[in-house]
């Protein structure tokens, strides 16, 4: 149907809430513990992803920790951090395909166990090549693409302002 036009990831990124908010942990979020939870805006997730230097990596948990530290919260929301990473990654991939040179380096954001996310934009083989250009060794084990010794290349939450 013509009225149900598919939005691009960049359009979706623009309509996301502009500010990170901090809330008291209650209700269904109580499974995360007590204290406060920082619910990140996609723009902040993108900013953190862009701050990871060439040759370094950050995990999804690392992004949560940066968000929590910035907003003096107990934790960063793992669900909406993941949604933000997914959205920023797909928008950056879209921008790269359109010829834009300076995109968020989504290939530097990995899962907590050192794997390339299955839901990453493009193919994992493309991401593998980008990581190898930056000096990382990627091995394929079954369906998993794992970065060897990824811990040595991780950027700490304190390294990103």
Protein backbone atom coordinates (compact mmCIF):
# COMPACT_ATOMS: atom_id res chain seq x y z
CA UNK A 1 0.00 0.00 0.00
CA UNK A 2 1.45 3.37 -0.96
CA UNK A 3 0.52 5.08 2.32
CA UNK A 4 2.63 2.56 4.29
CA UNK A 5 6.01 3.80 3.05
CA UNK A 6 8.99 2.03 4.66
CA UNK A 7 11.14 4.43 6.67
CA UNK A 8 14.89 4.28 6.23
CA UNK A 9 17.02 3.63 9.31
CA UNK A 10 18.25 7.23 9.13
CA UNK A 11 14.64 8.47 9.24
CA UNK A 12 13.95 6.20 12.21
CA UNK A 13 17.05 7.54 13.96
CA UNK A 14 15.76 11.11 13.65
CA UNK A 15 12.42 10.33 15.34
CA UNK A 16 13.94 8.61 18.37
CA UNK A 17 13.82 10.44 21.74
CA UNK A 18 16.59 13.08 21.72
CA UNK A 19 17.69 12.81 25.35
CA UNK A 20 18.80 10.04 27.66
CA UNK A 21 16.63 9.82 30.74
CA UNK A 22 17.28 8.38 34.17
CA UNK A 23 14.53 6.63 36.10
CA UNK A 24 14.25 4.79 39.37
CA UNK A 25 14.31 1.03 38.85
CA UNK A 26 10.82 -0.35 39.53
CA UNK A 27 8.22 -2.66 38.06
CA UNK A 28 9.49 -5.07 35.41
CA UNK A 29 12.93 -3.42 35.51
CA UNK A 30 13.42 -4.70 39.09
CA UNK A 31 15.13 -7.75 37.58
CA UNK A 32 18.10 -5.43 36.92
CA UNK A 33 18.47 -4.69 40.64
CA UNK A 34 17.80 -1.53 42.60
CA UNK A 35 18.86 2.08 42.11
CA UNK A 36 18.52 4.02 38.86
CA UNK A 37 18.57 3.06 35.20
CA UNK A 38 19.77 5.30 32.35
CA UNK A 39 17.64 4.84 29.24
CA UNK A 40 19.90 5.97 26.39
CA UNK A 41 18.93 8.07 23.40
CA UNK A 42 20.14 6.62 20.10
CA UNK A 43 22.13 9.82 19.52
CA UNK A 44 24.16 9.14 22.66
CA UNK A 45 24.74 5.52 21.62
CA UNK A 46 25.98 6.80 18.24
CA UNK A 47 28.29 9.30 19.96
CA UNK A 48 29.82 6.52 22.08
CA UNK A 49 30.25 4.25 19.04
CA UNK A 50 32.01 7.07 17.16
CA UNK A 51 34.39 7.61 20.10
CA UNK A 52 35.92 4.12 19.73
CA UNK A 53 39.29 4.61 18.00
CA UNK A 54 40.53 2.60 15.04
CA UNK A 55 41.95 -0.75 16.14
CA UNK A 56 39.88 -0.79 19.35
CA UNK A 57 36.55 -2.46 20.20
CA UNK A 58 33.65 -1.92 22.58
CA UNK A 59 31.06 -4.40 23.81
CA UNK A 60 27.37 -3.76 24.29
CA UNK A 61 27.98 -3.93 28.03
CA UNK A 62 30.75 -1.36 27.64
CA UNK A 63 28.29 1.06 26.02
CA UNK A 64 25.82 0.46 28.89
CA UNK A 65 28.55 1.26 31.40
CA UNK A 66 29.47 4.51 29.63
CA UNK A 67 25.80 5.60 29.57
CA UNK A 68 25.37 4.75 33.28
CA UNK A 69 28.59 6.57 34.27
CA UNK A 70 27.70 9.69 32.25
CA UNK A 71 24.29 9.98 33.93
CA UNK A 72 25.34 8.78 37.40
CA UNK A 73 22.91 5.86 37.19
CA UNK A 74 23.31 2.38 38.65
CA UNK A 75 23.05 0.73 35.21
CA UNK A 76 22.46 1.53 31.55
CA UNK A 77 19.34 -0.11 30.10
CA UNK A 78 20.52 -3.25 28.26
CA UNK A 79 17.39 -3.48 26.11
CA UNK A 80 17.35 0.06 24.75
CA UNK A 81 21.13 0.15 24.46
CA UNK A 82 20.82 -2.88 22.19
CA UNK A 83 18.04 -1.22 20.19
CA UNK A 84 20.18 1.92 19.84
CA UNK A 85 23.20 -0.09 18.66
CA UNK A 86 21.04 -1.92 16.12
CA UNK A 87 19.49 1.29 14.80
CA UNK A 88 22.78 3.24 14.63
CA UNK A 89 24.52 0.29 12.94
CA UNK A 90 21.88 -0.04 10.24
CA UNK A 91 21.74 3.74 9.69
CA UNK A 92 25.55 3.89 9.34
CA UNK A 93 25.51 0.96 6.92
CA UNK A 94 22.82 2.77 4.90
CA UNK A 95 24.95 5.94 4.87
CA UNK A 96 28.01 3.98 3.73
CA UNK A 97 26.07 2.45 0.85
CA UNK A 98 24.96 5.97 -0.14
CA UNK A 99 28.62 7.01 -0.41
CA UNK A 100 29.04 8.91 2.86
CA UNK A 101 32.62 8.60 4.13
CA UNK A 102 32.36 9.47 7.85
CA UNK A 103 29.93 6.96 9.34
CA UNK A 104 29.64 5.51 12.84
CA UNK A 105 32.10 2.57 12.95
CA UNK A 106 29.49 -0.04 13.83
CA UNK A 107 31.89 -2.94 13.14
CA UNK A 108 33.82 -1.98 16.29
CA UNK A 109 30.82 -2.76 18.52
CA UNK A 110 30.73 -6.44 19.40
CA UNK A 111 28.78 -8.78 21.64
CA UNK A 112 29.96 -9.26 25.22
CA UNK A 113 31.56 -12.62 24.37
CA UNK A 114 33.63 -11.30 21.45
CA UNK A 115 31.30 -12.41 18.66
CA UNK A 116 30.10 -10.29 15.75
CA UNK A 117 26.35 -9.90 16.17
CA UNK A 118 24.23 -12.02 13.83
CA UNK A 119 21.88 -9.06 13.32
CA UNK A 120 24.68 -6.76 12.16
CA UNK A 121 23.93 -4.87 8.93
CA UNK A 122 25.38 -6.20 5.71
CA UNK A 123 27.11 -9.53 5.97
CA UNK A 124 29.37 -10.76 8.72
CA UNK A 125 32.00 -11.38 6.04
CA UNK A 126 32.02 -7.62 5.28
CA UNK A 127 32.44 -6.84 8.98
CA UNK A 128 35.15 -9.48 9.25
CA UNK A 129 37.10 -7.73 6.45
CA UNK A 130 36.71 -4.32 8.12
CA UNK A 131 37.95 -5.71 11.44
CA UNK A 132 40.87 -7.45 9.77
CA UNK A 133 41.87 -4.14 8.12
CA UNK A 134 42.12 -2.72 11.65
CA UNK A 135 44.37 -5.57 12.80
CA UNK A 136 41.91 -7.96 14.46
CA UNK A 137 41.93 -11.70 13.86
CA UNK A 138 38.46 -13.13 13.25
CA UNK A 139 37.80 -16.87 13.27
CA UNK A 140 34.65 -18.68 12.19
CA UNK A 141 33.42 -21.41 14.50
CA UNK A 142 30.26 -22.92 13.11
CA UNK A 143 27.88 -19.99 12.67
CA UNK A 144 29.85 -17.74 15.02
CA UNK A 145 32.37 -15.14 13.94
CA UNK A 146 34.60 -14.55 16.96
CA UNK A 147 37.36 -12.00 17.40
CA UNK A 148 40.44 -13.61 18.92
CA UNK A 149 41.90 -11.90 21.99
CA UNK A 150 39.23 -9.22 21.79
CA UNK A 151 39.74 -8.38 25.49
CA UNK A 152 43.11 -6.82 24.65
CA UNK A 153 41.49 -4.40 22.19
CA UNK A 154 38.56 -3.34 24.38
CA UNK A 155 38.10 0.32 25.21
CA UNK A 156 37.24 0.76 28.88
CA UNK A 157 34.17 2.70 29.93
CA UNK A 158 36.46 5.21 31.66
CA UNK A 159 38.31 5.85 28.36
CA UNK A 160 35.22 7.30 26.70
CA UNK A 161 34.01 10.64 28.00
